[in-house]
N, C-alpha and C. Protein backbone atom coordinates (compact mmCIF):
# COMPACT_ATOMS: atom_id res chain seq x y z
N MET A 1 90.55 88.88 103.47
CA MET A 1 91.15 88.81 102.16
C MET A 1 91.26 90.20 101.53
N ARG A 2 90.31 91.04 101.82
CA ARG A 2 90.31 92.38 101.26
C ARG A 2 91.49 93.19 101.78
N THR A 3 91.81 93.02 103.06
CA THR A 3 92.95 93.73 103.65
C THR A 3 94.26 93.24 103.05
N ALA A 4 94.36 91.93 102.82
CA ALA A 4 95.57 91.38 102.22
C ALA A 4 95.79 91.92 100.81
N ALA A 5 94.71 92.07 100.06
CA ALA A 5 94.83 92.61 98.70
C ALA A 5 95.27 94.07 98.75
N MET A 6 94.76 94.84 99.70
CA MET A 6 95.15 96.24 99.83
C MET A 6 96.61 96.36 100.23
N VAL A 7 97.04 95.51 101.15
CA VAL A 7 98.44 95.55 101.59
C VAL A 7 99.37 95.13 100.45
N ALA A 8 98.97 94.13 99.68
CA ALA A 8 99.79 93.68 98.55
C ALA A 8 99.93 94.79 97.51
N ALA A 9 98.84 95.46 97.19
CA ALA A 9 98.89 96.55 96.21
C ALA A 9 99.74 97.70 96.74
N ALA A 10 99.63 97.98 98.02
CA ALA A 10 100.43 99.05 98.62
C ALA A 10 101.92 98.71 98.59
N LEU A 11 102.26 97.46 98.85
CA LEU A 11 103.67 97.05 98.81
C LEU A 11 104.23 97.13 97.39
N ILE A 12 103.43 96.75 96.41
CA ILE A 12 103.88 96.85 95.02
C ILE A 12 104.10 98.31 94.63
N ALA A 13 103.16 99.18 95.01
CA ALA A 13 103.32 100.61 94.71
C ALA A 13 104.54 101.18 95.42
N LEU A 14 104.76 100.74 96.65
CA LEU A 14 105.91 101.22 97.42
C LEU A 14 107.22 100.79 96.78
N LEU A 15 107.31 99.53 96.38
CA LEU A 15 108.54 99.04 95.77
C LEU A 15 108.80 99.70 94.41
N CYS A 16 107.75 99.85 93.60
CA CYS A 16 107.92 100.52 92.31
C CYS A 16 108.30 101.99 92.49
N GLY A 17 107.71 102.63 93.48
CA GLY A 17 108.04 104.03 93.75
C GLY A 17 109.48 104.20 94.18
N ILE A 18 109.96 103.31 95.03
CA ILE A 18 111.35 103.40 95.48
C ILE A 18 112.30 103.14 94.31
N ALA A 19 111.96 102.17 93.46
CA ALA A 19 112.81 101.88 92.30
C ALA A 19 112.88 103.07 91.35
N LEU A 20 111.72 103.68 91.07
CA LEU A 20 111.71 104.85 90.19
C LEU A 20 112.48 106.02 90.80
N LEU A 21 112.33 106.19 92.11
CA LEU A 21 113.04 107.26 92.79
C LEU A 21 114.54 107.07 92.68
N CYS A 22 115.00 105.85 92.90
CA CYS A 22 116.44 105.56 92.81
C CYS A 22 116.97 105.77 91.39
N LEU A 23 116.21 105.31 90.40
CA LEU A 23 116.64 105.49 89.01
C LEU A 23 116.66 106.97 88.62
N GLY A 24 115.68 107.71 89.09
CA GLY A 24 115.65 109.14 88.79
C GLY A 24 116.80 109.89 89.42
N VAL A 25 117.13 109.54 90.66
CA VAL A 25 118.25 110.20 91.34
C VAL A 25 119.56 109.83 90.66
N GLU A 26 119.67 108.59 90.20
CA GLU A 26 120.88 108.17 89.49
C GLU A 26 121.03 108.94 88.18
N ASP A 27 119.93 109.13 87.45
CA ASP A 27 119.97 109.91 86.21
C ASP A 27 120.29 111.37 86.49
N ALA A 28 119.74 111.90 87.56
CA ALA A 28 120.01 113.30 87.89
C ALA A 28 121.48 113.50 88.24
N GLY A 29 122.09 112.49 88.83
CA GLY A 29 123.51 112.59 89.16
C GLY A 29 124.38 112.65 87.92
N ASP A 30 123.90 112.10 86.82
CA ASP A 30 124.64 112.14 85.56
C ASP A 30 124.40 113.44 84.79
N GLY A 31 123.59 114.33 85.34
CA GLY A 31 123.32 115.60 84.68
C GLY A 31 122.15 115.56 83.72
N ASN A 32 121.32 114.54 83.80
CA ASN A 32 120.17 114.41 82.89
C ASN A 32 119.00 115.21 83.44
N ALA A 33 118.52 116.16 82.67
CA ALA A 33 117.42 117.02 83.12
C ALA A 33 116.07 116.31 83.04
N ARG A 34 115.99 115.21 82.29
CA ARG A 34 114.72 114.48 82.16
C ARG A 34 114.46 113.59 83.36
N ALA A 35 115.28 113.64 84.38
CA ALA A 35 115.13 112.78 85.55
C ALA A 35 114.03 113.26 86.48
N VAL A 36 113.44 114.40 86.18
CA VAL A 36 112.41 114.95 87.06
C VAL A 36 111.15 114.08 87.07
N LEU A 37 110.76 113.56 85.93
CA LEU A 37 109.54 112.75 85.86
C LEU A 37 109.64 111.47 86.68
N PRO A 38 110.72 110.67 86.56
CA PRO A 38 110.80 109.48 87.41
C PRO A 38 110.88 109.81 88.90
N ILE A 39 111.54 110.91 89.24
CA ILE A 39 111.62 111.30 90.65
C ILE A 39 110.25 111.67 91.18
N ALA A 40 109.50 112.46 90.41
CA ALA A 40 108.16 112.87 90.85
C ALA A 40 107.22 111.67 90.92
N THR A 41 107.24 110.82 89.91
CA THR A 41 106.38 109.64 89.90
C THR A 41 106.74 108.69 91.04
N GLY A 42 108.03 108.51 91.26
CA GLY A 42 108.48 107.65 92.36
C GLY A 42 108.07 108.19 93.71
N ALA A 43 108.14 109.50 93.88
CA ALA A 43 107.73 110.10 95.16
C ALA A 43 106.23 109.91 95.40
N VAL A 44 105.44 110.09 94.35
CA VAL A 44 103.98 109.92 94.48
C VAL A 44 103.64 108.46 94.79
N LEU A 45 104.26 107.54 94.08
CA LEU A 45 104.00 106.11 94.33
C LEU A 45 104.44 105.69 95.73
N THR A 46 105.58 106.20 96.17
CA THR A 46 106.07 105.86 97.50
C THR A 46 105.12 106.40 98.56
N ALA A 47 104.71 107.65 98.42
CA ALA A 47 103.79 108.24 99.40
C ALA A 47 102.45 107.51 99.39
N GLY A 48 101.94 107.20 98.19
CA GLY A 48 100.68 106.47 98.10
C GLY A 48 100.78 105.08 98.69
N GLY A 49 101.89 104.41 98.44
CA GLY A 49 102.10 103.08 99.02
C GLY A 49 102.13 103.12 100.53
N LEU A 50 102.79 104.12 101.08
CA LEU A 50 102.84 104.24 102.54
C LEU A 50 101.46 104.54 103.13
N LEU A 51 100.70 105.40 102.46
CA LEU A 51 99.36 105.72 102.95
C LEU A 51 98.45 104.49 102.89
N PHE A 52 98.52 103.75 101.79
CA PHE A 52 97.68 102.55 101.68
C PHE A 52 98.11 101.48 102.66
N LEU A 53 99.41 101.37 102.94
CA LEU A 53 99.86 100.41 103.95
C LEU A 53 99.30 100.77 105.31
N ARG A 54 99.34 102.06 105.62
CA ARG A 54 98.80 102.52 106.90
C ARG A 54 97.31 102.23 107.00
N LYS A 55 96.59 102.46 105.91
CA LYS A 55 95.15 102.23 105.88
C LYS A 55 94.86 100.72 105.97
N GLY A 56 95.66 99.92 105.26
CA GLY A 56 95.43 98.48 105.27
C GLY A 56 95.69 97.84 106.63
N TYR A 57 96.74 98.29 107.29
CA TYR A 57 97.04 97.75 108.61
C TYR A 57 96.15 98.33 109.70
N GLY A 58 95.49 99.45 109.39
CA GLY A 58 94.60 100.06 110.37
C GLY A 58 93.27 99.34 110.51
N ARG A 59 92.97 98.46 109.57
CA ARG A 59 91.69 97.76 109.62
C ARG A 59 91.71 96.64 110.60
């Protein structure tokens, strides 16, 4: 059960990170300079989600 909870949290972080990344890139395409924060947050969440998925499946 512990592994399932870790994988679920990693998938949620991964999905949220990808969504933020896409929204940030879309804003940056419109010339919005404030798009840096969603891009950075999305990249961190995506990387963290991938690392936790790897750790969860490694058990």
